[in-house]
Amino acid sequence: MRKYNIKKKIIMEYDDSLLGNRPQLSLYYFNNGTNVNSKLALKLIKYAIETRLKWYPF
């Protein structure tokens, strides 16, 4: 349950950042090591492309 809440929270923060309501994402989400941070960043980019741009490359 906690993992879902964190995912939902970071997506909400990312949306705010994309809309200009927040200057940047909190570094709180990116403190799990390089590999995990890279995967999270990739998921956020994919979310923005698919959800906000409505573009599905694959």
PDB file of N, CA and C in Angstrom:
ATOM      1  N   MET A   1       0.822  -1.194   0.000  1.00  0.00           N
ATOM      2  CA  MET A   1       0.000   0.000   0.000  1.00  0.00           C
ATOM      3  C   MET A   1       0.869   1.263   0.000  1.00  0.00           C
ATOM      4  N   ARG A   2       1.914   1.298   0.800  1.00  0.00           N
ATOM      5  CA  ARG A   2       2.777   2.472   0.875  1.00  0.00           C
ATOM      6  C   ARG A   2       3.439   2.741  -0.467  1.00  0.00           C
ATOM      7  N   LYS A   3       3.861   1.674  -1.159  1.00  0.00           N
ATOM      8  CA  LYS A   3       4.518   1.832  -2.453  1.00  0.00           C
ATOM      9  C   LYS A   3       3.574   2.517  -3.441  1.00  0.00           C
ATOM     10  N   TYR A   4       2.300   2.130  -3.431  1.00  0.00           N
ATOM     11  CA  TYR A   4       1.313   2.743  -4.313  1.00  0.00           C
ATOM     12  C   TYR A   4       1.152   4.223  -3.987  1.00  0.00           C
ATOM     13  N   ASN A   5       1.091   4.561  -2.713  1.00  0.00           N
ATOM     14  CA  ASN A   5       0.921   5.956  -2.311  1.00  0.00           C
ATOM     15  C   ASN A   5       2.098   6.813  -2.750  1.00  0.00           C
ATOM     16  N   ILE A   6       3.302   6.281  -2.656  1.00  0.00           N
ATOM     17  CA  ILE A   6       4.481   7.022  -3.088  1.00  0.00           C
ATOM     18  C   ILE A   6       4.445   7.219  -4.593  1.00  0.00           C
ATOM     19  N   LYS A   7       4.070   6.177  -5.345  1.00  0.00           N
ATOM     20  CA  LYS A   7       3.977   6.318  -6.800  1.00  0.00           C
ATOM     21  C   LYS A   7       2.945   7.374  -7.170  1.00  0.00           C
ATOM     22  N   LYS A   8       1.813   7.342  -6.508  1.00  0.00           N
ATOM     23  CA  LYS A   8       0.752   8.309  -6.784  1.00  0.00           C
ATOM     24  C   LYS A   8       1.226   9.724  -6.435  1.00  0.00           C
ATOM     25  N   LYS A   9       1.935   9.845  -5.330  1.00  0.00           N
ATOM     26  CA  LYS A   9       2.400  11.148  -4.879  1.00  0.00           C
ATOM     27  C   LYS A   9       3.439  11.735  -5.836  1.00  0.00           C
ATOM     28  N   ILE A  10       4.372  10.914  -6.304  1.00  0.00           N
ATOM     29  CA  ILE A  10       5.393  11.436  -7.211  1.00  0.00           C
ATOM     30  C   ILE A  10       4.783  11.804  -8.564  1.00  0.00           C
ATOM     31  N   ILE A  11       3.780  11.042  -9.010  1.00  0.00           N
ATOM     32  CA  ILE A  11       3.092  11.387 -10.258  1.00  0.00           C
ATOM     33  C   ILE A  11       2.383  12.731 -10.100  1.00  0.00           C
ATOM     34  N   MET A  12       1.753  12.946  -8.962  1.00  0.00           N
ATOM     35  CA  MET A  12       1.070  14.225  -8.718  1.00  0.00           C
ATOM     36  C   MET A  12       2.075  15.380  -8.692  1.00  0.00           C
ATOM     37  N   GLU A  13       3.220  15.169  -8.057  1.00  0.00           N
ATOM     38  CA  GLU A  13       4.254  16.206  -8.022  1.00  0.00           C
ATOM     39  C   GLU A  13       4.811  16.457  -9.414  1.00  0.00           C
ATOM     40  N   TYR A  14       4.989  15.381 -10.182  1.00  0.00           N
ATOM     41  CA  TYR A  14       5.516  15.515 -11.541  1.00  0.00           C
ATOM     42  C   TYR A  14       4.534  16.296 -12.409  1.00  0.00           C
ATOM     43  N   ASP A  15       3.246  16.013 -12.277  1.00  0.00           N
ATOM     44  CA  ASP A  15       2.223  16.774 -12.994  1.00  0.00           C
ATOM     45  C   ASP A  15       2.310  18.259 -12.640  1.00  0.00           C
ATOM     46  N   ASP A  16       2.423  18.551 -11.358  1.00  0.00           N
ATOM     47  CA  ASP A  16       2.545  19.948 -10.930  1.00  0.00           C
ATOM     48  C   ASP A  16       3.775  20.608 -11.546  1.00  0.00           C
ATOM     49  N   SER A  17       4.858  19.861 -11.619  1.00  0.00           N
ATOM     50  CA  SER A  17       6.084  20.379 -12.211  1.00  0.00           C
ATOM     51  C   SER A  17       5.898  20.648 -13.705  1.00  0.00           C
ATOM     52  N   LEU A  18       5.251  19.721 -14.405  1.00  0.00           N
ATOM     53  CA  LEU A  18       5.010  19.902 -15.840  1.00  0.00           C
ATOM     54  C   LEU A  18       4.097  21.091 -16.113  1.00  0.00           C
ATOM     55  N   LEU A  19       3.156  21.335 -15.217  1.00  0.00           N
ATOM     56  CA  LEU A  19       2.207  22.440 -15.383  1.00  0.00           C
ATOM     57  C   LEU A  19       2.776  23.782 -14.913  1.00  0.00           C
ATOM     58  N   GLY A  20       3.967  23.756 -14.331  1.00  0.00           N
ATOM     59  CA  GLY A  20       4.601  24.981 -13.869  1.00  0.00           C
ATOM     60  C   GLY A  20       4.194  25.405 -12.470  1.00  0.00           C
ATOM     61  N   ASN A  21       3.500  24.546 -11.752  1.00  0.00           N
ATOM     62  CA  ASN A  21       3.070  24.867 -10.392  1.00  0.00           C
ATOM     63  C   ASN A  21       4.122  24.526  -9.343  1.00  0.00           C
ATOM     64  N   ARG A  22       5.169  23.866  -9.750  1.00  0.00           N
ATOM     65  CA  ARG A  22       6.235  23.449  -8.837  1.00  0.00           C
ATOM     66  C   ARG A  22       7.547  23.592  -9.618  1.00  0.00           C
ATOM     67  N   PRO A  23       8.566  24.200  -9.013  1.00  0.00           N
ATOM     68  CA  PRO A  23       9.809  24.414  -9.759  1.00  0.00           C
ATOM     69  C   PRO A  23      10.568  23.128 -10.090  1.00  0.00           C
ATOM     70  N   GLN A  24      10.490  22.131  -9.223  1.00  0.00           N
ATOM     71  CA  GLN A  24      11.193  20.865  -9.468  1.00  0.00           C
ATOM     72  C   GLN A  24      10.638  19.779  -8.558  1.00  0.00           C
ATOM     73  N   LEU A  25      10.992  18.547  -8.880  1.00  0.00           N
ATOM     74  CA  LEU A  25      10.587  17.420  -8.040  1.00  0.00           C
ATOM     75  C   LEU A  25      11.439  17.373  -6.782  1.00  0.00           C
ATOM     76  N   SER A  26      10.879  16.860  -5.735  1.00  0.00           N
ATOM     77  CA  SER A  26      11.608  16.681  -4.489  1.00  0.00           C
ATOM     78  C   SER A  26      12.671  15.597  -4.669  1.00  0.00           C
ATOM     79  N   LEU A  27      13.828  15.816  -4.111  1.00  0.00           N
ATOM     80  CA  LEU A  27      14.891  14.812  -4.161  1.00  0.00           C
ATOM     81  C   LEU A  27      14.599  13.630  -3.251  1.00  0.00           C
ATOM     82  N   TYR A  28      13.564  13.733  -2.445  1.00  0.00           N
ATOM     83  CA  TYR A  28      13.154  12.649  -1.551  1.00  0.00           C
ATOM     84  C   TYR A  28      12.939  11.347  -2.320  1.00  0.00           C
ATOM     85  N   TYR A  29      12.414  11.434  -3.518  1.00  0.00           N
ATOM     86  CA  TYR A  29      12.098  10.245  -4.307  1.00  0.00           C
ATOM     87  C   TYR A  29      13.327   9.632  -4.975  1.00  0.00           C
ATOM     88  N   PHE A  30      14.410  10.389  -5.046  1.00  0.00           N
ATOM     89  CA  PHE A  30      15.592   9.938  -5.763  1.00  0.00           C
ATOM     90  C   PHE A  30      16.764   9.689  -4.814  1.00  0.00           C
ATOM     91  N   ASN A  31      16.554   8.852  -3.816  1.00  0.00           N
ATOM     92  CA  ASN A  31      17.627   8.549  -2.864  1.00  0.00           C
ATOM     93  C   ASN A  31      17.847   7.045  -2.731  1.00  0.00           C
ATOM     94  N   ASN A  32      17.589   6.308  -3.801  1.00  0.00           N
ATOM     95  CA  ASN A  32      17.640   4.848  -3.728  1.00  0.00           C
ATOM     96  C   ASN A  32      18.750   4.219  -4.552  1.00  0.00           C
ATOM     97  N   GLY A  33      19.719   4.967  -4.962  1.00  0.00           N
ATOM     98  CA  GLY A  33      20.792   4.422  -5.767  1.00  0.00           C
ATOM     99  C   GLY A  33      20.577   4.732  -7.243  1.00  0.00           C
ATOM    100  N   THR A  34      21.647   4.724  -7.987  1.00  0.00           N
ATOM    101  CA  THR A  34      21.626   5.140  -9.385  1.00  0.00           C
ATOM    102  C   THR A  34      20.675   4.332 -10.243  1.00  0.00           C
ATOM    103  N   ASN A  35      20.701   3.021 -10.130  1.00  0.00           N
ATOM    104  CA  ASN A  35      19.862   2.170 -10.973  1.00  0.00           C
ATOM    105  C   ASN A  35      18.374   2.403 -10.706  1.00  0.00           C
ATOM    106  N   VAL A  36      17.992   2.452  -9.447  1.00  0.00           N
ATOM    107  CA  VAL A  36      16.588   2.677  -9.080  1.00  0.00           C
ATOM    108  C   VAL A  36      16.154   4.081  -9.496  1.00  0.00           C
ATOM    109  N   ASN A  37      17.019   5.065  -9.294  1.00  0.00           N
ATOM    110  CA  ASN A  37      16.700   6.439  -9.687  1.00  0.00           C
ATOM    111  C   ASN A  37      16.495   6.548 -11.193  1.00  0.00           C
ATOM    112  N   SER A  38      17.331   5.865 -11.959  1.00  0.00           N
ATOM    113  CA  SER A  38      17.201   5.880 -13.420  1.00  0.00           C
ATOM    114  C   SER A  38      15.884   5.263 -13.860  1.00  0.00           C
ATOM    115  N   LYS A  39      15.496   4.168 -13.220  1.00  0.00           N
ATOM    116  CA  LYS A  39      14.222   3.521 -13.562  1.00  0.00           C
ATOM    117  C   LYS A  39      13.046   4.428 -13.234  1.00  0.00           C
ATOM    118  N   LEU A  40      13.110   5.107 -12.101  1.00  0.00           N
ATOM    119  CA  LEU A  40      12.040   6.022 -11.717  1.00  0.00           C
ATOM    120  C   LEU A  40      11.947   7.188 -12.701  1.00  0.00           C
ATOM    121  N   ALA A  41      13.090   7.752 -13.072  1.00  0.00           N
ATOM    122  CA  ALA A  41      13.094   8.854 -14.040  1.00  0.00           C
ATOM    123  C   ALA A  41      12.515   8.401 -15.374  1.00  0.00           C
ATOM    124  N   LEU A  42      12.855   7.201 -15.806  1.00  0.00           N
ATOM    125  CA  LEU A  42      12.324   6.662 -17.054  1.00  0.00           C
ATOM    126  C   LEU A  42      10.810   6.492 -16.979  1.00  0.00           C
ATOM    127  N   LYS A  43      10.310   6.005 -15.848  1.00  0.00           N
ATOM    128  CA  LYS A  43       8.859   5.852 -15.674  1.00  0.00           C
ATOM    129  C   LYS A  43       8.152   7.200 -15.732  1.00  0.00           C
ATOM    130  N   LEU A  44       8.755   8.226 -15.144  1.00  0.00           N
ATOM    131  CA  LEU A  44       8.147   9.556 -15.167  1.00  0.00           C
ATOM    132  C   LEU A  44       8.128  10.139 -16.578  1.00  0.00           C
ATOM    133  N   ILE A  45       9.199   9.930 -17.315  1.00  0.00           N
ATOM    134  CA  ILE A  45       9.243  10.404 -18.703  1.00  0.00           C
ATOM    135  C   ILE A  45       8.206   9.673 -19.538  1.00  0.00           C
ATOM    136  N   LYS A  46       8.105   8.364 -19.359  1.00  0.00           N
ATOM    137  CA  LYS A  46       7.101   7.572 -20.079  1.00  0.00           C
ATOM    138  C   LYS A  46       5.692   8.056 -19.733  1.00  0.00           C
ATOM    139  N   TYR A  47       5.453   8.333 -18.462  1.00  0.00           N
ATOM    140  CA  TYR A  47       4.154   8.848 -18.027  1.00  0.00           C
ATOM    141  C   TYR A  47       3.831  10.154 -18.756  1.00  0.00           C
ATOM    142  N   ALA A  48       4.796  11.055 -18.809  1.00  0.00           N
ATOM    143  CA  ALA A  48       4.564  12.350 -19.455  1.00  0.00           C
ATOM    144  C   ALA A  48       4.257  12.183 -20.937  1.00  0.00           C
ATOM    145  N   ILE A  49       4.988  11.317 -21.604  1.00  0.00           N
ATOM    146  CA  ILE A  49       4.780  11.114 -23.040  1.00  0.00           C
ATOM    147  C   ILE A  49       3.433  10.474 -23.310  1.00  0.00           C
ATOM    148  N   GLU A  50       3.100   9.437 -22.565  1.00  0.00           N
ATOM    149  CA  GLU A  50       1.852   8.711 -22.827  1.00  0.00           C
ATOM    150  C   GLU A  50       0.621   9.439 -22.303  1.00  0.00           C
ATOM    151  N   THR A  51       0.711  10.023 -21.120  1.00  0.00           N
ATOM    152  CA  THR A  51      -0.463  10.622 -20.496  1.00  0.00           C
ATOM    153  C   THR A  51      -0.685  12.065 -20.931  1.00  0.00           C
ATOM    154  N   ARG A  52       0.346  12.854 -20.880  1.00  0.00           N
ATOM    155  CA  ARG A  52       0.193  14.274 -21.187  1.00  0.00           C
ATOM    156  C   ARG A  52       0.223  14.550 -22.688  1.00  0.00           C
ATOM    157  N   LEU A  53       1.102  13.872 -23.418  1.00  0.00           N
ATOM    158  CA  LEU A  53       1.183  14.092 -24.865  1.00  0.00           C
ATOM    159  C   LEU A  53       0.270  13.153 -25.647  1.00  0.00           C
ATOM    160  N   LYS A  54      -0.245  12.133 -24.959  1.00  0.00           N
ATOM    161  CA  LYS A  54      -1.108  11.120 -25.578  1.00  0.00           C
ATOM    162  C   LYS A  54      -0.434  10.493 -26.803  1.00  0.00           C
ATOM    163  N   TRP A  55       0.824  10.159 -26.622  1.00  0.00           N
ATOM    164  CA  TRP A  55       1.615   9.541 -27.672  1.00  0.00           C
ATOM    165  C   TRP A  55       2.105   8.195 -27.162  1.00  0.00           C
ATOM    166  N   TYR A  56       1.798   7.149 -27.894  1.00  0.00           N
ATOM    167  CA  TYR A  56       2.160   5.788 -27.501  1.00  0.00           C
ATOM    168  C   TYR A  56       3.110   5.222 -28.543  1.00  0.00           C
ATOM    169  N   PRO A  57       4.422   5.326 -28.305  1.00  0.00           N
ATOM    170  CA  PRO A  57       5.400   4.931 -29.311  1.00  0.00           C
ATOM    171  C   PRO A  57       5.421   3.438 -29.635  1.00  0.00           C
ATOM    172  N   PHE A  58       4.969   2.579 -28.710  1.00  0.00           N
ATOM    173  CA  PHE A  58       5.031   1.133 -28.979  1.00  0.00           C
ATOM    174  C   PHE A  58       3.691   0.505 -28.807  1.00  0.00           C
TER     175      PHE A  58
END
